[in-house]
Structures are given as C-alpha cells and as structure tokens.
Amino acid sequence: MAALIKGIKFAAQISNRNPAILYTTVRHHGWNKDFKPGKFPETEKEREAAAKKYGLTTAEYQPYPDDGLGYGDYPKLPDVPVEARDPYYPYDFPELKRNLHDTLHAETDFWSEDRFGPGEPLRYQMKTYWLAFLGVMTGCIALYYWLENYKMFRPVLAKQYPYEGKPHFTFDKK
C-alpha cells in the first residue's frame, strides 16, 4: 500500500514539473494500433494501397493468405536470413543489416542473425555430421559400460584423534 502511495506521489511530482508528459501519455495510449496490419486486401485498389503502405511495388507485394492467423495485409517477404545479406553494404543499422524504412519479415526474430539460417550451405555432408554424432555417443556409452565396475572415489582414512576414547573437542558447556 505504501508503494502505491509513493508511486502516486511520484507521478504527481512529475506531472507538476512537466504536464506534457501526462498529456502525451493520455493522448497516445493506443499507439500500437498504428502498427497493426490492415484487413486482407480484396480488390486491386486495396492491394495497391497496402503495397504503398509497406513501401513495396505492386509486383513485389504478395500478402499472406487469409487463413485466420491475423497477418491481414502484411506482405509475405522471402525467407532470407540476415546472414545472407551483403555485409559490406552501408546499412542505416549495420548491426541489424537493415535500413530505416525496410519492411520487416513477419517472423523477424526467426530470421535474425543470431538464429540458424538455411541460406548458407553446410560445410560437410549431412551424413558426416550424423557419423560424428553417433561415433561420439557410441564412444561415451562404451566407456560407461567398460568402466562401470571401476568405481571412482577419494580414498580417505578414518579421522584420527590424539587420545583414543576421550573427546578431543566439544562445544558443550561444562
């Protein structure tokens, strides 16, 4: 309860210093509605308007199918991972390999550079990877069964005290 009161006092102090913050917060509370895709384009005119909205030509614009997933008029971009883009191009955001008004893929998080991208060819054939995996696993299992009877432990003798049978040190009060 005290945290709530402190929060309200803090909000009152901020709004007294700069009332534009409160005004902006109240006025723009639904900002994310601007980023929602529109309804699926039915006519050619709607397709042209959607293509213009996303900065694409009508030849490039192909919306996702209207299958109820909620993509609406968002364009279906090719599945090209970021790592396949030119690393020497002067991007606006070089760490993302992206320009300012580029349309993002609907699954941008899936195609980002820190994810697996199928755009690059494999270094070796897939059977080489499988043979290496199965060889390592077989070796581990063979070692486990071969060394199963040889238990590892730290050899320790029994604790030695200076006088046998007498308490050496206790925490009891006398």
C-alpha atoms as a PDB file:
ATOM      1  CA  MET A   1       0.000   0.000   0.000  1.00  0.00           C
ATOM      2  CA  ALA A   2       2.855   2.337   0.844  1.00  0.00           C
ATOM      3  CA  ALA A   3       4.471   1.627  -2.540  1.00  0.00           C
ATOM      4  CA  LEU A   4       1.232   2.599  -4.283  1.00  0.00           C
ATOM      5  CA  ILE A   5       1.046   5.881  -2.405  1.00  0.00           C
ATOM      6  CA  LYS A   6       4.700   6.617  -3.170  1.00  0.00           C
ATOM      7  CA  GLY A   7       4.049   5.863  -6.856  1.00  0.00           C
ATOM      8  CA  ILE A   8       1.087   8.233  -6.956  1.00  0.00           C
ATOM      9  CA  LYS A   9       3.117  10.983  -5.249  1.00  0.00           C
ATOM     10  CA  PHE A  10       5.951  10.455  -7.726  1.00  0.00           C
ATOM     11  CA  ALA A  11       3.548  10.653 -10.695  1.00  0.00           C
ATOM     12  CA  ALA A  12       2.060  13.858  -9.263  1.00  0.00           C
ATOM     13  CA  GLN A  13       5.525  15.401  -8.898  1.00  0.00           C
ATOM     14  CA  ILE A  14       6.452  14.517 -12.471  1.00  0.00           C
ATOM     15  CA  SER A  15       3.188  15.823 -13.899  1.00  0.00           C
ATOM     16  CA  ASN A  16       3.548  19.085 -11.913  1.00  0.00           C
ATOM     17  CA  ARG A  17       7.038  19.646 -13.307  1.00  0.00           C
ATOM     18  CA  ASN A  18       6.152  18.770 -16.892  1.00  0.00           C
ATOM     19  CA  PRO A  19       2.417  18.407 -17.619  1.00  0.00           C
ATOM     20  CA  ALA A  20       3.193  17.497 -21.249  1.00  0.00           C
ATOM     21  CA  ILE A  21       4.229  14.009 -20.075  1.00  0.00           C
ATOM     22  CA  LEU A  22       0.769  13.314 -18.686  1.00  0.00           C
ATOM     23  CA  TYR A  23      -0.872  14.821 -21.767  1.00  0.00           C
ATOM     24  CA  THR A  24       1.263  12.716 -24.130  1.00  0.00           C
ATOM     25  CA  THR A  25       0.643   9.558 -22.144  1.00  0.00           C
ATOM     26  CA  VAL A  26      -3.123  10.013 -22.164  1.00  0.00           C
ATOM     27  CA  ARG A  27      -3.279  11.137 -25.802  1.00  0.00           C
ATOM     28  CA  HIS A  28      -1.114   8.362 -27.245  1.00  0.00           C
ATOM     29  CA  HIS A  29      -2.194   5.447 -25.094  1.00  0.00           C
ATOM     30  CA  GLY A  30      -3.195   3.351 -28.110  1.00  0.00           C
ATOM     31  CA  TRP A  31      -0.033   3.814 -30.170  1.00  0.00           C
ATOM     32  CA  ASN A  32       0.257   0.141 -31.062  1.00  0.00           C
ATOM     33  CA  LYS A  33      -2.973   0.247 -33.066  1.00  0.00           C
ATOM     34  CA  ASP A  34      -0.968   2.140 -35.686  1.00  0.00           C
ATOM     35  CA  PHE A  35       1.307  -0.863 -36.187  1.00  0.00           C
ATOM     36  CA  LYS A  36      -1.404  -3.464 -36.628  1.00  0.00           C
ATOM     37  CA  PRO A  37      -1.829  -4.734 -40.192  1.00  0.00           C
ATOM     38  CA  GLY A  38      -4.997  -3.779 -42.022  1.00  0.00           C
ATOM     39  CA  LYS A  39      -7.612  -6.217 -43.259  1.00  0.00           C
ATOM     40  CA  PHE A  40      -6.749  -8.616 -46.057  1.00  0.00           C
ATOM     41  CA  PRO A  41      -6.859  -6.759 -49.401  1.00  0.00           C
ATOM     42  CA  GLU A  42      -9.774  -7.954 -51.524  1.00  0.00           C
ATOM     43  CA  THR A  43      -9.610  -5.613 -54.523  1.00  0.00           C
ATOM     44  CA  GLU A  44      -6.735  -4.458 -56.711  1.00  0.00           C
ATOM     45  CA  LYS A  45      -7.069  -0.934 -55.324  1.00  0.00           C
ATOM     46  CA  GLU A  46      -6.675  -2.234 -51.750  1.00  0.00           C
ATOM     47  CA  ARG A  47      -3.614  -4.246 -52.836  1.00  0.00           C
ATOM     48  CA  GLU A  48      -2.016  -1.123 -54.333  1.00  0.00           C
ATOM     49  CA  ALA A  49      -2.737   0.871 -51.172  1.00  0.00           C
ATOM     50  CA  ALA A  50      -1.240  -1.895 -48.982  1.00  0.00           C
ATOM     51  CA  ALA A  51       1.846  -2.138 -51.196  1.00  0.00           C
ATOM     52  CA  LYS A  52       2.347   1.622 -50.922  1.00  0.00           C
ATOM     53  CA  LYS A  53       1.849   1.435 -47.148  1.00  0.00           C
ATOM     54  CA  TYR A  54       4.712  -1.058 -46.823  1.00  0.00           C
ATOM     55  CA  GLY A  55       6.989   0.653 -49.353  1.00  0.00           C
ATOM     56  CA  LEU A  56       6.755  -2.075 -51.984  1.00  0.00           C
ATOM     57  CA  THR A  57       5.753  -2.069 -55.620  1.00  0.00           C
ATOM     58  CA  THR A  58       2.572  -3.882 -56.606  1.00  0.00           C
ATOM     59  CA  ALA A  59       4.697  -6.512 -58.378  1.00  0.00           C
ATOM     60  CA  GLU A  60       6.658  -7.193 -55.159  1.00  0.00           C
ATOM     61  CA  TYR A  61       3.630  -7.135 -52.858  1.00  0.00           C
ATOM     62  CA  GLN A  62       2.153 -10.535 -52.034  1.00  0.00           C
ATOM     63  CA  PRO A  63       0.083 -10.736 -48.812  1.00  0.00           C
ATOM     64  CA  TYR A  64      -0.061 -13.747 -46.553  1.00  0.00           C
ATOM     65  CA  PRO A  65      -3.043 -15.994 -47.267  1.00  0.00           C
ATOM     66  CA  ASP A  66      -6.178 -15.121 -45.320  1.00  0.00           C
ATOM     67  CA  ASP A  67      -6.118 -18.228 -43.106  1.00  0.00           C
ATOM     68  CA  GLY A  68      -7.059 -16.628 -39.798  1.00  0.00           C
ATOM     69  CA  LEU A  69      -3.553 -16.151 -38.348  1.00  0.00           C
ATOM     70  CA  GLY A  70      -4.046 -12.405 -38.272  1.00  0.00           C
ATOM     71  CA  TYR A  71      -1.398 -11.259 -40.758  1.00  0.00           C
ATOM     72  CA  GLY A  72      -4.003  -9.234 -42.671  1.00  0.00           C
ATOM     73  CA  ASP A  73      -2.434  -7.095 -45.397  1.00  0.00           C
ATOM     74  CA  TYR A  74       1.142  -7.640 -44.189  1.00  0.00           C
ATOM     75  CA  PRO A  75       3.403  -8.618 -47.103  1.00  0.00           C
ATOM     76  CA  LYS A  76       4.805 -12.129 -47.429  1.00  0.00           C
ATOM     77  CA  LEU A  77       8.507 -11.442 -47.788  1.00  0.00           C
ATOM     78  CA  PRO A  78      11.005 -14.058 -48.957  1.00  0.00           C
ATOM     79  CA  ASP A  79      12.559 -16.229 -46.268  1.00  0.00           C
ATOM     80  CA  VAL A  80      16.089 -14.833 -46.467  1.00  0.00           C
ATOM     81  CA  PRO A  81      18.178 -14.908 -43.290  1.00  0.00           C
ATOM     82  CA  VAL A  82      20.027 -11.767 -42.257  1.00  0.00           C
ATOM     83  CA  GLU A  83      23.383 -13.529 -42.510  1.00  0.00           C
ATOM     84  CA  ALA A  84      22.852 -13.948 -46.253  1.00  0.00           C
ATOM     85  CA  ARG A  85      22.718 -10.163 -46.767  1.00  0.00           C
ATOM     86  CA  ASP A  86      25.743  -8.239 -48.032  1.00  0.00           C
ATOM     87  CA  PRO A  87      27.976  -7.447 -45.021  1.00  0.00           C
ATOM     88  CA  TYR A  88      29.710  -4.551 -46.837  1.00  0.00           C
ATOM     89  CA  TYR A  89      26.588  -2.602 -47.788  1.00  0.00           C
ATOM     90  CA  PRO A  90      26.318   0.728 -45.884  1.00  0.00           C
ATOM     91  CA  TYR A  91      23.152  -0.051 -43.910  1.00  0.00           C
ATOM     92  CA  ASP A  92      21.466   2.546 -41.696  1.00  0.00           C
ATOM     93  CA  PHE A  93      21.654  -0.022 -38.874  1.00  0.00           C
ATOM     94  CA  PRO A  94      24.723  -2.134 -39.682  1.00  0.00           C
ATOM     95  CA  GLU A  95      24.407  -4.274 -36.554  1.00  0.00           C
ATOM     96  CA  LEU A  96      20.990  -5.442 -37.823  1.00  0.00           C
ATOM     97  CA  LYS A  97      21.880  -5.269 -41.545  1.00  0.00           C
ATOM     98  CA  ARG A  98      18.764  -3.162 -42.058  1.00  0.00           C
ATOM     99  CA  ASN A  99      17.840   0.250 -43.495  1.00  0.00           C
ATOM    100  CA  LEU A 100      15.487   2.738 -41.881  1.00  0.00           C
ATOM    101  CA  HIS A 101      12.183   2.057 -43.649  1.00  0.00           C
ATOM    102  CA  ASP A 102      12.740  -1.570 -44.631  1.00  0.00           C
ATOM    103  CA  THR A 103       9.673  -3.721 -44.191  1.00  0.00           C
ATOM    104  CA  LEU A 104      10.362  -6.358 -41.574  1.00  0.00           C
ATOM    105  CA  HIS A 105       9.592 -10.003 -42.115  1.00  0.00           C
ATOM    106  CA  ALA A 106       6.582 -11.231 -40.126  1.00  0.00           C
ATOM    107  CA  GLU A 107       8.919 -13.685 -38.389  1.00  0.00           C
ATOM    108  CA  THR A 108      11.897 -11.342 -37.971  1.00  0.00           C
ATOM    109  CA  ASP A 109      13.001 -12.992 -34.758  1.00  0.00           C
ATOM    110  CA  PHE A 110      13.256 -16.315 -36.601  1.00  0.00           C
ATOM    111  CA  TRP A 111      15.424 -14.906 -39.418  1.00  0.00           C
ATOM    112  CA  SER A 112      17.745 -12.709 -37.309  1.00  0.00           C
ATOM    113  CA  GLU A 113      21.495 -13.205 -37.396  1.00  0.00           C
ATOM    114  CA  ASP A 114      21.728 -14.999 -34.065  1.00  0.00           C
ATOM    115  CA  ARG A 115      19.470 -17.818 -35.291  1.00  0.00           C
ATOM    116  CA  PHE A 116      20.026 -20.710 -37.668  1.00  0.00           C
ATOM    117  CA  GLY A 117      19.755 -19.661 -41.285  1.00  0.00           C
ATOM    118  CA  PRO A 118      19.305 -22.184 -44.061  1.00  0.00           C
ATOM    119  CA  GLY A 119      20.774 -19.735 -46.586  1.00  0.00           C
ATOM    120  CA  GLU A 120      24.337 -20.915 -46.067  1.00  0.00           C
ATOM    121  CA  PRO A 121      25.366 -24.313 -47.436  1.00  0.00           C
ATOM    122  CA  LEU A 122      26.593 -26.900 -44.970  1.00  0.00           C
ATOM    123  CA  ARG A 123      30.346 -27.242 -44.582  1.00  0.00           C
ATOM    124  CA  TYR A 124      30.213 -31.054 -44.774  1.00  0.00           C
ATOM    125  CA  GLN A 125      27.613 -33.521 -45.969  1.00  0.00           C
ATOM    126  CA  MET A 126      24.831 -34.346 -43.514  1.00  0.00           C
ATOM    127  CA  LYS A 127      25.996 -37.972 -43.245  1.00  0.00           C
ATOM    128  CA  THR A 128      29.356 -36.716 -41.911  1.00  0.00           C
ATOM    129  CA  TYR A 129      27.573 -34.865 -39.109  1.00  0.00           C
ATOM    130  CA  TRP A 130      25.474 -37.935 -38.274  1.00  0.00           C
ATOM    131  CA  LEU A 131      28.521 -40.228 -38.257  1.00  0.00           C
ATOM    132  CA  ALA A 132      30.382 -37.856 -35.928  1.00  0.00           C
ATOM    133  CA  PHE A 133      27.392 -37.629 -33.580  1.00  0.00           C
ATOM    134  CA  LEU A 134      26.823 -41.385 -33.497  1.00  0.00           C
ATOM    135  CA  GLY A 135      30.564 -42.032 -33.053  1.00  0.00           C
ATOM    136  CA  VAL A 136      30.801 -39.736 -30.034  1.00  0.00           C
ATOM    137  CA  MET A 137      27.646 -41.160 -28.462  1.00  0.00           C
ATOM    138  CA  THR A 138      28.776 -44.754 -29.068  1.00  0.00           C
ATOM    139  CA  GLY A 139      32.186 -43.954 -27.537  1.00  0.00           C
ATOM    140  CA  CYS A 140      30.584 -42.430 -24.442  1.00  0.00           C
ATOM    141  CA  ILE A 141      28.268 -45.404 -23.942  1.00  0.00           C
ATOM    142  CA  ALA A 142      31.121 -47.894 -24.495  1.00  0.00           C
ATOM    143  CA  LEU A 143      33.318 -46.106 -21.935  1.00  0.00           C
ATOM    144  CA  TYR A 144      30.445 -46.038 -19.458  1.00  0.00           C
ATOM    145  CA  TYR A 145      29.847 -49.802 -19.675  1.00  0.00           C
ATOM    146  CA  TRP A 146      33.558 -50.643 -19.786  1.00  0.00           C
ATOM    147  CA  LEU A 147      34.346 -48.617 -16.657  1.00  0.00           C
ATOM    148  CA  GLU A 148      31.129 -49.437 -14.792  1.00  0.00           C
ATOM    149  CA  ASN A 149      32.859 -51.897 -12.414  1.00  0.00           C
ATOM    150  CA  TYR A 150      35.686 -49.484 -11.533  1.00  0.00           C
ATOM    151  CA  LYS A 151      34.120 -47.060  -9.094  1.00  0.00           C
ATOM    152  CA  MET A 152      35.959 -43.816  -8.512  1.00  0.00           C
ATOM    153  CA  PHE A 153      36.190 -42.414  -5.002  1.00  0.00           C
ATOM    154  CA  ARG A 154      38.521 -40.336  -2.908  1.00  0.00           C
ATOM    155  CA  PRO A 155      40.492 -42.631  -0.587  1.00  0.00           C
ATOM    156  CA  VAL A 156      40.179 -41.296   2.962  1.00  0.00           C
ATOM    157  CA  LEU A 157      41.234 -42.836   6.256  1.00  0.00           C
ATOM    158  CA  ALA A 158      39.154 -42.637   9.397  1.00  0.00           C
ATOM    159  CA  LYS A 159      39.520 -39.386  11.312  1.00  0.00           C
ATOM    160  CA  GLN A 160      42.419 -39.532  13.789  1.00  0.00           C
ATOM    161  CA  TYR A 161      42.244 -38.024  17.271  1.00  0.00           C
ATOM    162  CA  PRO A 162      45.124 -37.553  19.747  1.00  0.00           C
ATOM    163  CA  TYR A 163      43.598 -39.628  22.595  1.00  0.00           C
ATOM    164  CA  GLU A 164      41.590 -42.671  21.719  1.00  0.00           C
ATOM    165  CA  GLY A 165      38.267 -42.842  23.530  1.00  0.00           C
ATOM    166  CA  LYS A 166      38.424 -39.342  25.049  1.00  0.00           C
ATOM    167  CA  PRO A 167      36.551 -36.420  23.498  1.00  0.00           C
ATOM    168  CA  HIS A 168      39.074 -34.220  21.775  1.00  0.00           C
ATOM    169  CA  PHE A 169      36.991 -31.083  21.436  1.00  0.00           C
ATOM    170  CA  THR A 170      33.338 -30.348  22.105  1.00  0.00           C
ATOM    171  CA  PHE A 171      31.107 -27.337  22.086  1.00  0.00           C
ATOM    172  CA  ASP A 172      29.206 -28.440  25.175  1.00  0.00           C
ATOM    173  CA  LYS A 173      29.276 -26.177  28.240  1.00  0.00           C
ATOM    174  CA  LYS A 174      30.747 -27.754  31.384  1.00  0.00           C
END
